[in-house]
C-alpha atoms as a PDB file:
ATOM      1  CA  MET A   1     -44.892  61.983  38.235  1.00  0.00           C
ATOM      2  CA  LYS A   2     -41.373  62.886  39.359  1.00  0.00           C
ATOM      3  CA  ILE A   3     -38.861  60.263  38.308  1.00  0.00           C
ATOM      4  CA  PRO A   4     -35.794  60.331  40.539  1.00  0.00           C
ATOM      5  CA  ARG A   5     -32.350  60.442  38.965  1.00  0.00           C
ATOM      6  CA  ASP A   6     -33.807  60.887  35.509  1.00  0.00           C
ATOM      7  CA  GLN A   7     -30.346  61.619  34.087  1.00  0.00           C
ATOM      8  CA  ASN A   8     -29.590  57.910  34.570  1.00  0.00           C
ATOM      9  CA  LEU A   9     -33.001  56.667  33.442  1.00  0.00           C
ATOM     10  CA  HIS A  10     -32.380  54.141  30.695  1.00  0.00           C
ATOM     11  CA  SER A  11     -35.953  53.158  29.886  1.00  0.00           C
ATOM     12  CA  GLN A  12     -39.477  53.134  31.176  1.00  0.00           C
ATOM     13  CA  SER A  13     -42.452  50.990  30.261  1.00  0.00           C
ATOM     14  CA  PHE A  14     -46.045  52.044  30.754  1.00  0.00           C
ATOM     15  CA  LEU A  15     -48.325  49.053  30.381  1.00  0.00           C
ATOM     16  CA  SER A  16     -51.951  48.674  31.402  1.00  0.00           C
ATOM     17  CA  ASP A  17     -51.109  46.602  34.470  1.00  0.00           C
ATOM     18  CA  LYS A  18     -47.639  47.889  35.452  1.00  0.00           C
ATOM     19  CA  LEU A  19     -45.080  50.649  35.144  1.00  0.00           C
ATOM     20  CA  GLU A  20     -41.397  49.768  35.058  1.00  0.00           C
ATOM     21  CA  PHE A  21     -38.399  52.074  35.369  1.00  0.00           C
ATOM     22  CA  VAL A  22     -34.816  51.057  34.540  1.00  0.00           C
ATOM     23  CA  TRP A  23     -31.782  53.094  35.553  1.00  0.00           C
ATOM     24  CA  VAL A  24     -28.210  52.379  34.415  1.00  0.00           C
ATOM     25  CA  PHE A  25     -25.178  53.691  36.290  1.00  0.00           C
ATOM     26  CA  GLN A  26     -21.563  53.635  35.122  1.00  0.00           C
ATOM     27  CA  GLU A  27     -19.469  52.952  38.210  1.00  0.00           C
ATOM     28  CA  LYS A  28     -15.866  52.047  39.013  1.00  0.00           C
ATOM     29  CA  THR A  29     -16.901  48.408  39.370  1.00  0.00           C
ATOM     30  CA  GLY A  30     -18.713  48.331  36.022  1.00  0.00           C
ATOM     31  CA  ILE A  31     -22.209  49.046  34.796  1.00  0.00           C
ATOM     32  CA  LEU A  32     -24.996  48.684  37.315  1.00  0.00           C
ATOM     33  CA  LYS A  33     -28.663  48.277  36.479  1.00  0.00           C
ATOM     34  CA  PHE A  34     -31.543  49.093  38.813  1.00  0.00           C
ATOM     35  CA  VAL A  35     -35.119  48.093  37.940  1.00  0.00           C
ATOM     36  CA  PHE A  36     -38.170  49.291  39.853  1.00  0.00           C
ATOM     37  CA  GLY A  37     -41.638  48.151  38.846  1.00  0.00           C
ATOM     38  CA  VAL A  38     -45.068  49.019  40.161  1.00  0.00           C
ATOM     39  CA  GLN A  39     -48.063  46.849  39.402  1.00  0.00           C
ATOM     40  CA  LYS A  40     -51.679  48.007  39.262  1.00  0.00           C
ATOM     41  CA  ASN A  41     -52.575  45.583  42.065  1.00  0.00           C
ATOM     42  CA  GLY A  42     -50.376  47.605  44.463  1.00  0.00           C
ATOM     43  CA  LEU A  43     -47.333  45.333  44.421  1.00  0.00           C
ATOM     44  CA  CYS A  44     -43.786  46.352  43.480  1.00  0.00           C
ATOM     45  CA  TYR A  45     -40.622  44.586  42.396  1.00  0.00           C
ATOM     46  CA  ILE A  46     -36.975  45.594  42.551  1.00  0.00           C
ATOM     47  CA  GLU A  47     -33.898  44.232  40.791  1.00  0.00           C
ATOM     48  CA  PHE A  48     -30.219  45.135  41.157  1.00  0.00           C
ATOM     49  CA  ALA A  49     -27.682  43.703  38.724  1.00  0.00           C
ATOM     50  CA  LYS A  50     -24.254  44.177  37.190  1.00  0.00           C
ATOM     51  CA  ILE A  51     -24.404  44.137  33.387  1.00  0.00           C
ATOM     52  CA  ASP A  52     -21.996  44.293  30.464  1.00  0.00           C
ATOM     53  CA  SER A  53     -22.002  46.949  27.734  1.00  0.00           C
ATOM     54  CA  VAL A  54     -24.826  45.246  25.812  1.00  0.00           C
ATOM     55  CA  GLY A  55     -27.035  44.709  28.869  1.00  0.00           C
ATOM     56  CA  CYS A  56     -26.361  41.037  29.634  1.00  0.00           C
ATOM     57  CA  TYR A  57     -26.070  40.050  33.278  1.00  0.00           C
ATOM     58  CA  ILE A  58     -22.460  39.355  34.272  1.00  0.00           C
ATOM     59  CA  ASP A  59     -22.810  38.815  38.001  1.00  0.00           C
ATOM     60  CA  ASP A  60     -24.482  35.851  39.658  1.00  0.00           C
ATOM     61  CA  GLN A  61     -25.500  38.020  42.585  1.00  0.00           C
ATOM     62  CA  ILE A  62     -28.668  39.569  41.225  1.00  0.00           C
ATOM     63  CA  PHE A  63     -30.832  40.941  43.978  1.00  0.00           C
ATOM     64  CA  PHE A  64     -34.531  40.638  43.193  1.00  0.00           C
ATOM     65  CA  MET A  65     -37.599  41.169  45.319  1.00  0.00           C
ATOM     66  CA  SER A  66     -41.151  40.850  44.084  1.00  0.00           C
ATOM     67  CA  ASP A  67     -44.621  41.185  45.519  1.00  0.00           C
ATOM     68  CA  ILE A  68     -43.777  44.024  47.885  1.00  0.00           C
ATOM     69  CA  GLU A  69     -46.864  45.902  48.993  1.00  0.00           C
ATOM     70  CA  ILE A  70     -46.524  49.630  48.378  1.00  0.00           C
ATOM     71  CA  ASN A  71     -47.719  50.459  51.885  1.00  0.00           C
ATOM     72  CA  THR A  72     -44.861  48.399  53.360  1.00  0.00           C
ATOM     73  CA  LEU A  73     -42.090  49.978  51.263  1.00  0.00           C
ATOM     74  CA  ASP A  74     -39.367  51.720  53.214  1.00  0.00           C
ATOM     75  CA  SER A  75     -35.747  52.678  52.567  1.00  0.00           C
ATOM     76  CA  LYS A  76     -34.349  49.681  54.453  1.00  0.00           C
ATOM     77  CA  LEU A  77     -36.445  47.301  52.374  1.00  0.00           C
ATOM     78  CA  ILE A  78     -35.419  48.938  49.097  1.00  0.00           C
ATOM     79  CA  PHE A  79     -31.735  49.102  50.069  1.00  0.00           C
ATOM     80  CA  PRO A  80     -31.452  46.262  52.617  1.00  0.00           C
ATOM     81  CA  TYR A  81     -27.672  46.087  52.856  1.00  0.00           C
ATOM     82  CA  GLY A  82     -26.961  49.804  52.948  1.00  0.00           C
ATOM     83  CA  LYS A  83     -24.398  49.602  50.155  1.00  0.00           C
ATOM     84  CA  PHE A  84     -26.825  49.919  47.261  1.00  0.00           C
ATOM     85  CA  PRO A  85     -27.362  53.699  47.549  1.00  0.00           C
ATOM     86  CA  GLU A  86     -23.591  54.121  47.492  1.00  0.00           C
ATOM     87  CA  GLU A  87     -23.172  51.856  44.470  1.00  0.00           C
ATOM     88  CA  TYR A  88     -26.143  53.414  42.723  1.00  0.00           C
ATOM     89  CA  ASN A  89     -24.557  56.753  43.460  1.00  0.00           C
ATOM     90  CA  ASN A  90     -27.544  58.931  42.702  1.00  0.00           C
ATOM     91  CA  PHE A  91     -30.002  57.233  45.039  1.00  0.00           C
ATOM     92  CA  GLN A  92     -29.649  58.695  48.519  1.00  0.00           C
ATOM     93  CA  ASN A  93     -32.387  56.576  50.057  1.00  0.00           C
ATOM     94  CA  GLY A  94     -35.612  54.898  49.079  1.00  0.00           C
ATOM     95  CA  LYS A  95     -37.945  57.820  49.787  1.00  0.00           C
ATOM     96  CA  GLU A  96     -37.915  59.018  46.176  1.00  0.00           C
ATOM     97  CA  LEU A  97     -38.788  55.524  44.969  1.00  0.00           C
ATOM     98  CA  ILE A  98     -41.596  55.194  47.491  1.00  0.00           C
ATOM     99  CA  GLN A  99     -43.081  58.441  46.196  1.00  0.00           C
ATOM    100  CA  LEU A 100     -42.660  57.216  42.614  1.00  0.00           C
ATOM    101  CA  ALA A 101     -44.511  54.000  43.530  1.00  0.00           C
ATOM    102  CA  VAL A 102     -47.405  55.922  45.070  1.00  0.00           C
ATOM    103  CA  GLU A 103     -47.653  58.292  42.099  1.00  0.00           C
ATOM    104  CA  SER A 104     -47.391  55.395  39.636  1.00  0.00           C
ATOM    105  CA  LEU A 105     -50.216  53.520  41.324  1.00  0.00           C
ATOM    106  CA  GLU A 106     -52.400  56.646  41.324  1.00  0.00           C
ATOM    107  CA  TYR A 107     -51.645  57.131  37.621  1.00  0.00           C
ATOM    108  CA  MET A 108     -52.598  53.541  36.734  1.00  0.00           C
ATOM    109  CA  LYS A 109     -55.839  53.750  38.692  1.00  0.00           C
ATOM    110  CA  ARG A 110     -56.836  56.869  36.704  1.00  0.00           C
ATOM    111  CA  CYS A 111     -56.141  55.212  33.340  1.00  0.00           C
END
């Protein structure tokens, strides 16, 4: 499984029913957190947030999507406003995350 932007990977959780990846980026505007989860039932969730130095949310504008079917994932859905790849400077588009979702689901089905 190739994890994109692993230099910014903060944590990952491998549970029996889901895999979750958390990236943290230090940016000019503060610390940004990006969460991508894949569930064994084929659904994904995504969260974007600004956090403080201890990980608490400091911005009311948290973007969260859940129950996204893997086969409907595309770059525009992952980064709907276009600015997220720029803010999360190491994500160029959603293609790497789509591949991670597919590989994660295959991994969970084997386990």
